[in-house]
Amino acid sequence: MDNTAWLAQKRHTILELWKEAVAQCPDTVFLHFLDDDEKYTYAEFDERSNRLAQGLLASGVAQGDRIATLLDSHADSVALLIAASKVNAVYVPINTANKGEFLRNPLGNSGAAILVSEAKYLERVEAIRDGLPDLQHIYVRGDSAPAEKAFANLYSDNNGDTGVSPEPDDIAGIIYTGG
């Protein structure tokens, strides 16, 4: 297969494309959850993801770290995807139906040091925790999370740009499929 044309073209990162979209249409609705009519413009969501990215950096997340997720669909899950790109971390979403070895495999294989999980999935993670030597921190989304593990506390007051610039060859995500 001849890849010459593809290699000669400028390749963009997720972060570059995101920043371009924010600049072109800051007041356009980016995300709209119909169930509760929760809406965010590109500019609002950029600020939200900046706050989360700053919080990730302050908590010790470094470039290349794997951030696994067991999250339902909501604004926090999307913000984490963008924030991971803003710190050049690797986003690893895991199917929330996974249990036992089906959960241990992606968590262990990805080398995830951080997991962000809905509180309702924590019991599954604790059941396999001993087999996950790389997993250092678990942040819990939801009201029942202890303060030191609360995902909400990762949001920083600092909404500035992180100054991190991923390269097109950097890994942005690891997706595990079931087929």
Foldseek 3Di string as FASTA:
>chain_A
DDCVVVVPDDDDDPLVVLVVVCVVWVQQWDDADPVVRDTDGSVRLLLQLLLLLVLCVVVPDAAAAEEEELDDDDSVVVSPLNSCVLRNYAYEYAHNVDADPSVLVSQQVVLHQEYEYEPVSVVRCVVCVVSRVSHNAYAYDDDPDDPVRHSVVSRHPDRDRPPDDDDSPRHSYDYDDDD
